[in-house]
Amino acid sequence: MSRRLPIVMLALVVAAGGVASALARPTAKAGPTLSLVAYSTPAGAYAKLIAAFQKTPAGAGVGFTQSYGASGDQTRAVAAGLPADVVNFSLAPDMDVLVKAGLVDSNWSKQSYKGMVTDSVAVLVLRDGNPKHIEGWNDLLRPGISVITPNPFTSGGARWNVLAAYGAWRKQGKTPKQAEANLLELFKNVSVQDKSARDALNTFLSGKGDALITYESEAVAAQLRGSKIQYVIPRSTILIENPVAVLKGSPNKDKANQFLRFLRTPAAQQLFADNGYRPVVRSVLQTNAKRFPTRPGLFTIDELGLGGWSKVQPRFFDPSVGILAEIERKVGGVTG
C-alpha cells in the first residue's frame, strides 16, 4: 500500500488494527516529517525526546507524527499500510513480523545494542501501603487476590509478564509442568485483561485489582503523575528489551536513522531514564543505578532455556495451540 495513503483509507487501517493513535502536528516545513509508530507506553518519553532532537542540528525543522497502541496491534497496522519511518515495539517478535513482511531489514538486531533502545523489568504494582502484603509471584496465586495484566495476544507487555512469572518459578526449582500449572493458577486470579499495558495501568488506577503486573517504567510513570501506588521488583524477574528500527522503504531514511542514533546518545538515554526506562547505554545506566536496582534473580529471554523468542512464541503464544491459549480456554478468557 502506498505511503501516500488517502486519509479515509488510513483511518480504516488504523481502526481495523485497533490502534490507539495520537498524531502530533508537524512542525514548520523546513525539513521532512517522520512517522513514529510505537507500543502503548513511551508517549510521554517521546514528547521530550522529540523536542530535544528538534533542538539539535540534525533535528532542526523535522516534524513528527506519532502513533501509540498495543504492540501487536501496531505491528499489524504497519504491516497493513500504516505509514511509518521509525518503529519502537515492546518485544523482538513484533519487529520480526515486519521483517517477514519485507518492511524492516533482517539485520535490525545486529545494530547497536542488539537493536534495542530501552530496557525495563517486570514488576508488581500495588495499592498504597500494600494492604494485601504482596511481595512476589507466589502471592499472586493466593485465593482472593485480584490481578490485572494485559491480554497476551495483543500486548507485548503481557507476554513479558507471563515469561517473568514462568521464569521466576523455574528459578525456584519448579519443573516446566509445575511452572505452567502456576500460570494457570495465576490467570484464575486475573480479573481484567486489557489490550495494552497502558490500558491495564489505567484500569488498576481506576480502583480495580490488588496487583498489576507491568513494566517498571509504567510504575515509575504513575508515581511521577502523583498516583498513590507502590511497586515491588520481585527477587527473580525478566529483563525486558524494547527494539527500535527504521523501515527499509522510508522516504526519509537518512533523517530517520539520525533520529534513531540520537535515541542512543547519553542525553536521550537520560531522558528515557527520567521517564522510568532503563538505559541501554551502560554509562547512563550506571549513573542512574540508584533508580534502577539490580535483582539477584534477573534473567533474560535467552536465559530461560527455551530457545529464545523463535521457540517461545509458538510454544506459549500461538493463539490456537499455545500454553496461554489453553490457559485462556480453561479460565474463560477474561477481557477488559
Protein backbone atom coordinates (compact mmCIF):
# COMPACT_ATOMS: atom_id res chain seq x y z
CA MET A 1 0.00 0.00 0.00
CA SER A 2 1.41 3.38 -0.93
CA ARG A 3 2.85 5.59 1.77
CA ARG A 4 0.62 8.37 0.37
CA LEU A 5 -2.44 6.61 1.72
CA PRO A 6 -5.67 8.63 1.49
CA ILE A 7 -6.75 9.89 4.90
CA VAL A 8 -10.01 7.92 4.93
CA MET A 9 -8.25 4.68 3.99
CA LEU A 10 -5.56 5.29 6.61
CA ALA A 11 -8.24 5.78 9.26
CA LEU A 12 -9.75 2.44 8.28
CA VAL A 13 -6.36 0.73 8.52
CA VAL A 14 -5.78 2.15 11.97
CA ALA A 15 -9.28 1.29 13.16
CA ALA A 16 -9.00 -2.24 11.80
CA GLY A 17 -5.82 -2.76 13.78
CA GLY A 18 -7.40 -1.44 16.97
CA VAL A 19 -4.66 1.14 17.27
CA ALA A 20 -4.93 3.97 19.76
CA SER A 21 -3.25 6.66 17.71
CA ALA A 22 -2.08 10.10 18.70
CA LEU A 23 -0.99 12.27 15.81
CA ALA A 24 1.30 15.18 16.59
CA ARG A 25 1.02 18.31 14.47
CA PRO A 26 4.10 18.55 12.23
CA THR A 27 6.45 21.44 12.76
CA ALA A 28 7.11 24.05 10.06
CA LYS A 29 8.13 22.51 6.76
CA ALA A 30 11.83 23.26 6.97
CA GLY A 31 12.52 19.52 6.92
CA PRO A 32 10.80 16.17 6.48
CA THR A 33 8.06 14.75 8.68
CA LEU A 34 8.93 11.45 10.35
CA SER A 35 6.22 8.96 11.30
CA LEU A 36 6.91 7.23 14.63
CA VAL A 37 4.84 4.14 15.45
CA ALA A 38 5.36 2.70 18.93
CA TYR A 39 3.88 0.47 21.60
CA SER A 40 1.49 1.92 24.17
CA THR A 41 3.67 3.25 26.96
CA PRO A 42 6.50 5.58 25.81
CA ALA A 43 4.43 8.52 24.55
CA GLY A 44 5.47 10.71 27.50
CA ALA A 45 9.13 9.96 26.95
CA TYR A 46 8.91 10.66 23.23
CA ALA A 47 7.30 14.04 23.81
CA LYS A 48 10.55 15.09 25.49
CA LEU A 49 12.85 13.15 23.17
CA ILE A 50 11.36 14.63 20.00
CA ALA A 51 11.60 18.15 21.42
CA ALA A 52 15.25 17.51 22.32
CA PHE A 53 16.02 16.09 18.87
CA GLN A 54 14.46 19.10 17.17
CA LYS A 55 16.91 21.33 19.08
CA THR A 56 19.88 19.52 17.53
CA PRO A 57 21.34 20.40 14.10
CA ALA A 58 20.13 17.05 12.74
CA GLY A 59 16.59 17.56 14.03
CA ALA A 60 16.09 21.24 13.19
CA GLY A 61 12.84 21.67 11.27
CA VAL A 62 11.94 17.97 11.39
CA GLY A 63 8.26 17.28 12.05
CA PHE A 64 6.76 14.14 13.56
CA THR A 65 3.53 12.19 13.54
CA GLN A 66 3.16 9.69 16.37
CA SER A 67 1.01 6.60 16.89
CA TYR A 68 0.85 4.56 20.10
CA GLY A 69 -1.04 1.36 20.88
CA ALA A 70 -0.77 -2.28 21.85
CA SER A 71 2.47 -3.57 20.36
CA GLY A 72 0.88 -6.42 18.42
CA ASP A 73 -1.83 -4.15 17.03
CA GLN A 74 0.74 -1.57 15.98
CA THR A 75 2.79 -4.23 14.22
CA ARG A 76 -0.23 -5.45 12.26
CA ALA A 77 -1.22 -1.88 11.37
CA VAL A 78 2.21 -1.10 9.91
CA ALA A 79 2.17 -4.39 8.00
CA ALA A 80 -1.27 -3.38 6.64
CA GLY A 81 -0.05 0.02 5.43
CA LEU A 82 0.08 2.45 8.36
CA PRO A 83 2.89 4.86 7.34
CA ALA A 84 5.99 4.58 9.49
CA ASP A 85 9.58 5.74 9.29
CA VAL A 86 10.63 4.55 12.77
CA VAL A 87 9.03 1.75 14.80
CA ASN A 88 9.58 1.04 18.51
CA PHE A 89 7.89 -2.12 19.79
CA SER A 90 7.61 -3.94 23.08
CA LEU A 91 9.41 -7.08 22.02
CA ALA A 92 11.55 -8.53 19.25
CA PRO A 93 8.96 -10.85 17.67
CA ASP A 94 6.85 -7.85 16.67
CA MET A 95 9.83 -6.46 14.79
CA ASP A 96 10.35 -9.83 13.15
CA VAL A 97 6.80 -9.68 11.79
CA LEU A 98 7.82 -6.62 9.79
CA VAL A 99 10.99 -8.39 8.66
CA LYS A 100 8.83 -11.18 7.23
CA ALA A 101 6.64 -8.54 5.59
CA GLY A 102 9.74 -7.09 3.89
CA LEU A 103 9.42 -3.77 5.73
CA VAL A 104 12.35 -3.96 8.17
CA ASP A 105 15.88 -5.16 7.40
CA SER A 106 16.62 -8.62 8.78
CA ASN A 107 19.82 -7.24 10.31
CA TRP A 108 17.95 -4.89 12.65
CA SER A 109 19.08 -6.90 15.71
CA LYS A 110 22.73 -6.64 14.65
CA GLN A 111 22.73 -2.88 15.09
CA SER A 112 23.99 -1.11 18.22
CA TYR A 113 22.76 -2.63 21.49
CA LYS A 114 21.32 -5.58 19.55
CA GLY A 115 18.70 -3.28 18.08
CA MET A 116 17.29 -2.27 21.48
CA VAL A 117 16.65 1.29 22.63
CA THR A 118 15.43 0.78 26.22
CA ASP A 119 15.20 -1.92 28.87
CA SER A 120 12.84 -2.48 31.76
CA VAL A 121 11.87 -5.24 34.19
CA ALA A 122 8.54 -6.81 35.10
CA VAL A 123 7.23 -5.52 38.43
CA LEU A 124 4.18 -5.83 40.68
CA VAL A 125 2.28 -2.56 41.21
CA LEU A 126 0.34 -2.49 44.47
CA ARG A 127 -2.12 -0.35 46.39
CA ASP A 128 -0.51 2.23 48.66
CA GLY A 129 0.57 0.57 51.89
CA ASN A 130 0.38 -2.89 50.27
CA PRO A 131 -2.73 -3.95 52.24
CA LYS A 132 -2.68 -7.48 50.77
CA HIS A 133 1.01 -7.98 51.71
CA ILE A 134 2.08 -8.97 48.20
CA GLU A 135 5.81 -9.40 47.87
CA GLY A 136 6.39 -11.80 45.00
CA TRP A 137 4.99 -14.06 42.32
CA ASN A 138 3.70 -16.73 44.71
CA ASP A 139 1.50 -14.17 46.47
CA LEU A 140 -0.44 -13.64 43.23
CA LEU A 141 -1.67 -17.24 43.49
CA ARG A 142 -3.38 -16.76 46.86
CA PRO A 143 -7.17 -17.11 46.95
CA GLY A 144 -8.97 -13.79 46.71
CA ILE A 145 -6.11 -11.84 45.09
CA SER A 146 -7.29 -9.89 42.05
CA VAL A 147 -4.60 -9.45 39.40
CA ILE A 148 -4.54 -7.10 36.40
CA THR A 149 -2.38 -7.94 33.38
CA PRO A 150 -2.95 -7.21 29.67
CA ASN A 151 -4.07 -9.71 27.06
CA PRO A 152 -1.06 -11.74 25.84
CA PHE A 153 -2.50 -11.97 22.32
CA THR A 154 -2.49 -8.20 21.79
CA SER A 155 0.04 -6.81 24.28
CA GLY A 156 3.79 -7.30 24.20
CA GLY A 157 3.91 -6.27 27.85
CA ALA A 158 1.58 -9.14 28.73
CA ARG A 159 3.96 -11.62 27.11
CA TRP A 160 6.84 -10.26 29.14
CA ASN A 161 4.67 -10.63 32.27
CA VAL A 162 3.91 -14.27 31.51
CA LEU A 163 7.56 -15.11 30.92
CA ALA A 164 8.66 -13.19 34.02
CA ALA A 165 6.36 -15.28 36.23
CA TYR A 166 7.15 -18.55 34.46
CA GLY A 167 10.90 -17.91 34.58
CA ALA A 168 10.80 -16.93 38.25
CA TRP A 169 9.08 -20.19 39.14
CA ARG A 170 11.62 -22.13 37.12
CA LYS A 171 14.35 -20.28 39.05
CA GLN A 172 12.68 -21.50 42.25
CA GLY A 173 13.21 -25.07 41.08
CA LYS A 174 9.78 -25.75 39.59
CA THR A 175 9.62 -28.12 36.63
CA PRO A 176 8.22 -26.77 33.35
CA LYS A 177 4.90 -28.50 34.07
CA GLN A 178 4.76 -27.08 37.59
CA ALA A 179 5.54 -23.58 36.30
CA GLU A 180 2.80 -23.93 33.69
CA ALA A 181 0.39 -25.07 36.40
CA ASN A 182 1.26 -21.95 38.37
CA LEU A 183 0.50 -19.83 35.30
CA LEU A 184 -2.96 -21.40 35.21
CA GLU A 185 -3.49 -20.58 38.88
CA LEU A 186 -2.27 -17.04 38.25
CA PHE A 187 -4.72 -16.49 35.40
CA LYS A 188 -7.57 -17.81 37.53
CA ASN A 189 -6.92 -14.71 39.66
CA VAL A 190 -6.72 -12.32 36.69
CA SER A 191 -9.86 -10.19 36.67
CA VAL A 192 -9.18 -7.90 33.67
CA GLN A 193 -7.08 -8.35 30.52
CA ASP A 194 -6.87 -5.04 28.65
CA LYS A 195 -5.44 -4.65 25.14
CA SER A 196 -2.27 -2.86 26.21
CA ALA A 197 -0.01 -2.18 29.17
CA ARG A 198 -1.17 1.44 29.35
CA ASP A 199 -4.84 0.39 29.37
CA ALA A 200 -4.06 -2.10 32.14
CA LEU A 201 -2.39 0.62 34.21
CA ASN A 202 -5.43 2.86 33.79
CA THR A 203 -7.69 0.00 34.87
CA PHE A 204 -5.63 -0.51 38.01
CA LEU A 205 -5.57 3.21 38.78
CA SER A 206 -9.36 3.28 38.43
CA GLY A 207 -9.53 1.05 41.51
CA LYS A 208 -9.73 -2.46 40.09
CA GLY A 209 -7.42 -5.22 41.26
CA ASP A 210 -5.00 -5.78 44.11
CA ALA A 211 -1.90 -6.09 41.93
CA LEU A 212 -0.87 -5.08 38.43
CA ILE A 213 1.90 -6.86 36.54
CA THR A 214 3.60 -4.38 34.24
CA TYR A 215 6.77 -2.65 33.11
CA GLU A 216 8.83 -0.91 35.78
CA SER A 217 8.59 2.19 33.57
CA GLU A 218 4.78 2.21 33.91
CA ALA A 219 5.03 2.08 37.69
CA VAL A 220 7.53 4.96 37.71
CA ALA A 221 5.37 6.98 35.30
CA ALA A 222 2.32 6.53 37.52
CA GLN A 223 4.25 7.72 40.56
CA LEU A 224 5.59 10.72 38.66
CA ARG A 225 1.99 11.67 37.84
CA GLY A 226 1.13 11.57 41.54
CA SER A 227 -0.66 8.21 41.74
CA LYS A 228 -0.63 6.73 45.24
CA ILE A 229 0.78 3.34 44.38
CA GLN A 230 3.90 1.40 45.21
CA TYR A 231 5.66 -1.36 43.38
CA VAL A 232 7.81 -4.38 44.09
CA ILE A 233 10.58 -5.69 41.87
CA PRO A 234 10.43 -9.45 42.52
CA ARG A 235 13.67 -11.10 43.54
CA SER A 236 13.53 -13.01 40.25
CA THR A 237 12.17 -11.23 37.19
CA ILE A 238 12.83 -10.80 33.49
CA LEU A 239 14.87 -8.12 31.71
CA ILE A 240 12.52 -6.51 29.19
CA GLU A 241 14.22 -5.38 25.97
CA ASN A 242 12.46 -2.95 23.61
CA PRO A 243 13.55 -2.86 19.93
CA VAL A 244 13.66 0.07 17.52
CA ALA A 245 14.23 0.17 13.75
CA VAL A 246 13.93 2.29 10.61
CA LEU A 247 11.74 0.94 7.82
CA LYS A 248 13.54 -0.05 4.64
CA GLY A 249 11.11 1.89 2.47
CA SER A 250 11.16 5.10 4.48
CA PRO A 251 11.31 8.09 2.11
CA ASN A 252 13.18 9.90 4.92
CA LYS A 253 15.60 7.10 5.71
CA ASP A 254 18.67 9.26 6.38
CA LYS A 255 16.82 11.54 8.76
CA ALA A 256 15.08 8.58 10.42
CA ASN A 257 18.47 6.96 11.04
CA GLN A 258 19.73 10.22 12.52
CA PHE A 259 16.79 10.18 14.93
CA LEU A 260 17.45 6.54 15.79
CA ARG A 261 21.11 7.32 16.52
CA PHE A 262 20.01 10.27 18.66
CA LEU A 263 17.85 7.94 20.77
CA ARG A 264 21.00 6.11 21.84
CA THR A 265 23.01 9.19 22.79
CA PRO A 266 23.67 9.74 26.51
CA ALA A 267 21.39 12.79 26.54
CA ALA A 268 18.46 10.87 25.03
CA GLN A 269 19.08 7.84 27.21
CA GLN A 270 18.96 10.09 30.27
CA LEU A 271 15.56 11.37 29.14
CA PHE A 272 14.41 7.76 28.88
CA ALA A 273 15.75 7.17 32.41
CA ASP A 274 13.89 10.22 33.69
CA ASN A 275 10.71 8.59 32.40
CA GLY A 276 11.33 5.24 34.07
CA TYR A 277 13.12 3.28 31.32
CA ARG A 278 16.39 1.52 31.98
CA PRO A 279 19.03 2.90 29.58
CA VAL A 280 20.79 0.52 27.20
CA VAL A 281 23.89 2.74 27.28
CA ARG A 282 25.85 1.28 30.18
CA SER A 283 27.38 4.56 31.36
CA VAL A 284 23.94 6.16 31.65
CA LEU A 285 22.56 3.10 33.44
CA GLN A 286 25.43 3.28 35.93
CA THR A 287 24.71 6.98 36.52
CA ASN A 288 21.13 6.02 37.39
CA ALA A 289 21.98 2.89 39.38
CA LYS A 290 20.01 4.01 42.46
CA ARG A 291 16.88 4.44 40.36
CA PHE A 292 17.18 1.00 38.80
CA PRO A 293 18.33 -1.55 41.37
CA THR A 294 19.56 -4.92 40.21
CA ARG A 295 17.89 -8.10 41.44
CA PRO A 296 19.78 -11.32 42.16
CA GLY A 297 17.48 -13.44 40.02
CA LEU A 298 17.27 -11.18 36.96
CA PHE A 299 17.21 -13.20 33.74
CA THR A 300 16.85 -12.59 30.01
CA ILE A 301 14.65 -14.31 27.44
CA ASP A 302 17.69 -16.24 26.22
CA GLU A 303 18.49 -17.47 29.73
CA LEU A 304 15.13 -19.21 30.12
CA GLY A 305 16.48 -22.23 28.26
CA LEU A 306 13.52 -22.26 25.89
CA GLY A 307 15.39 -21.44 22.68
CA GLY A 308 14.70 -17.69 22.57
CA TRP A 309 11.72 -15.92 21.06
CA SER A 310 11.63 -18.13 17.97
CA LYS A 311 10.65 -21.07 20.18
CA VAL A 312 8.83 -19.16 22.92
CA GLN A 313 6.33 -17.53 20.55
CA PRO A 314 4.73 -20.74 19.22
CA ARG A 315 5.06 -22.66 22.48
CA PHE A 316 3.46 -20.02 24.71
CA PHE A 317 1.55 -17.62 22.49
CA ASP A 318 0.24 -19.46 19.45
CA PRO A 319 -3.42 -18.37 19.52
CA SER A 320 -4.68 -21.89 18.82
CA VAL A 321 -2.32 -24.38 20.47
CA GLY A 322 -0.04 -22.32 22.73
CA ILE A 323 0.17 -22.68 26.50
CA LEU A 324 -1.63 -19.38 27.01
CA ALA A 325 -4.38 -20.29 24.56
CA GLU A 326 -5.09 -23.42 26.62
CA ILE A 327 -4.98 -21.42 29.86
CA GLU A 328 -7.39 -18.84 28.47
CA ARG A 329 -9.81 -21.61 27.47
CA LYS A 330 -9.68 -23.04 30.99
CA VAL A 331 -10.26 -19.73 32.75
CA GLY A 332 -12.86 -18.44 30.31
CA GLY A 333 -10.78 -15.76 28.55
CA VAL A 334 -11.23 -12.73 30.79
CA THR A 335 -11.09 -9.47 28.83
CA GLY A 336 -11.08 -5.77 29.57
